[in-house]
Amino acid sequence: MARTDALAVEGMESAIERAIACVDDPGADMIFPEAIITWSNTKSLSAAVKKSRLSEYYPSWRQTHCFSKRRLASVGVDWCFTL
C-alpha cells in the first residue's frame, strides 16, 4: 500500500500524480490518499487511479466527511476505517 499526503500541501493534481506514480513505479496494490475531504476529490482520484483505495474518517476532525460505504464503493473505494 502507498500513501500520499500531497493534497493538503500541493493540491489534488499533485495527489493524483503521486498516487499514479506509486501504482506505476513500485507497483502498489492499494492507494491511501490522506485528507481527501470532499466527494469531488474522492471521485477525481478514483477516476484517475484504477487500484484499490482506502478511505478514512475521523469524527473529531471537522473537515472530514463520512461517506457511506456504498457511496465509496460506487467509485472504487474498497476499504474505509474510522478512528
Protein backbone atom coordinates (compact mmCIF):
# COMPACT_ATOMS: atom_id res chain seq x y z
CA MET A 1 0.00 0.00 0.00
CA ALA A 2 1.20 3.51 -0.78
CA ARG A 3 0.10 6.68 0.97
CA THR A 4 0.16 10.23 -0.32
CA ASP A 5 -0.25 13.39 1.73
CA ALA A 6 0.15 15.67 -1.29
CA LEU A 7 -3.42 17.00 -1.32
CA ALA A 8 -3.04 19.07 1.84
CA VAL A 9 0.22 20.66 0.71
CA GLU A 10 0.29 20.63 -3.08
CA GLY A 11 -3.31 20.12 -4.20
CA MET A 12 -5.39 17.48 -5.93
CA GLU A 13 -3.41 17.36 -9.17
CA SER A 14 -0.24 16.50 -7.25
CA ALA A 15 -2.07 13.93 -5.13
CA ILE A 16 -3.29 12.19 -8.29
CA GLU A 17 0.18 12.32 -9.89
CA ARG A 18 1.78 10.82 -6.80
CA ALA A 19 -0.86 8.11 -6.48
CA ILE A 20 -0.39 7.11 -10.12
CA ALA A 21 3.40 7.09 -9.66
CA CYS A 22 3.04 4.76 -6.66
CA VAL A 23 0.96 2.35 -8.70
CA ASP A 24 3.17 2.50 -11.79
CA ASP A 25 6.69 2.52 -10.34
CA PRO A 26 6.81 0.45 -7.15
CA GLY A 27 3.60 -1.36 -8.03
CA ALA A 28 1.42 -0.55 -5.04
CA ASP A 29 -1.72 -2.69 -4.80
CA MET A 30 -3.62 -0.08 -2.80
CA ILE A 31 -3.54 3.70 -2.50
CA PHE A 32 -4.24 5.63 0.69
CA PRO A 33 -4.79 9.29 -0.20
CA GLU A 34 -4.62 11.27 3.02
CA ALA A 35 -7.04 14.13 3.74
CA ILE A 36 -9.48 13.57 0.90
CA ILE A 37 -12.33 15.57 2.41
CA THR A 38 -14.74 16.24 -0.44
CA TRP A 39 -16.80 13.97 -2.64
CA SER A 40 -15.45 15.78 -5.69
CA ASN A 41 -11.87 14.90 -4.71
CA THR A 42 -12.88 11.33 -3.96
CA LYS A 43 -14.38 10.97 -7.43
CA SER A 44 -11.42 12.66 -9.15
CA LEU A 45 -8.88 10.40 -7.53
CA SER A 46 -11.00 7.31 -8.19
CA ALA A 47 -11.34 8.18 -11.87
CA ALA A 48 -7.59 8.65 -12.22
CA VAL A 49 -6.26 5.74 -10.17
CA LYS A 50 -7.52 2.28 -11.03
CA LYS A 51 -6.40 0.47 -7.90
CA SER A 52 -7.98 -0.32 -4.57
CA ARG A 53 -8.30 2.71 -2.36
CA LEU A 54 -8.52 3.20 1.37
CA SER A 55 -10.61 5.97 2.89
CA GLU A 56 -10.57 7.29 6.44
CA TYR A 57 -12.98 9.09 8.70
CA TYR A 58 -12.04 10.94 11.88
CA PRO A 59 -15.22 12.02 13.70
CA SER A 60 -13.26 14.57 15.75
CA TRP A 61 -11.77 16.21 12.66
CA ARG A 62 -14.50 18.52 11.39
CA GLN A 63 -13.16 18.80 7.85
CA THR A 64 -13.52 15.10 7.16
CA HIS A 65 -16.86 13.98 5.80
CA CYS A 66 -18.08 10.45 6.30
CA PHE A 67 -19.43 8.96 3.10
CA SER A 68 -21.35 5.70 3.26
CA LYS A 69 -19.55 2.50 2.35
CA ARG A 70 -21.98 2.04 -0.52
CA ARG A 71 -21.22 5.52 -1.89
CA LEU A 72 -17.46 4.99 -1.55
CA ALA A 73 -17.73 1.58 -3.22
CA SER A 74 -19.52 3.19 -6.18
CA VAL A 75 -16.25 4.96 -7.08
CA GLY A 76 -13.91 2.08 -6.25
CA VAL A 77 -13.01 2.72 -2.61
CA ASP A 78 -12.61 -0.76 -1.19
CA TRP A 79 -11.70 -0.05 2.43
CA CYS A 80 -12.83 2.55 4.94
CA PHE A 81 -11.80 2.95 8.55
CA THR A 82 -12.96 5.16 11.38
CA LEU A 83 -10.93 6.44 14.29
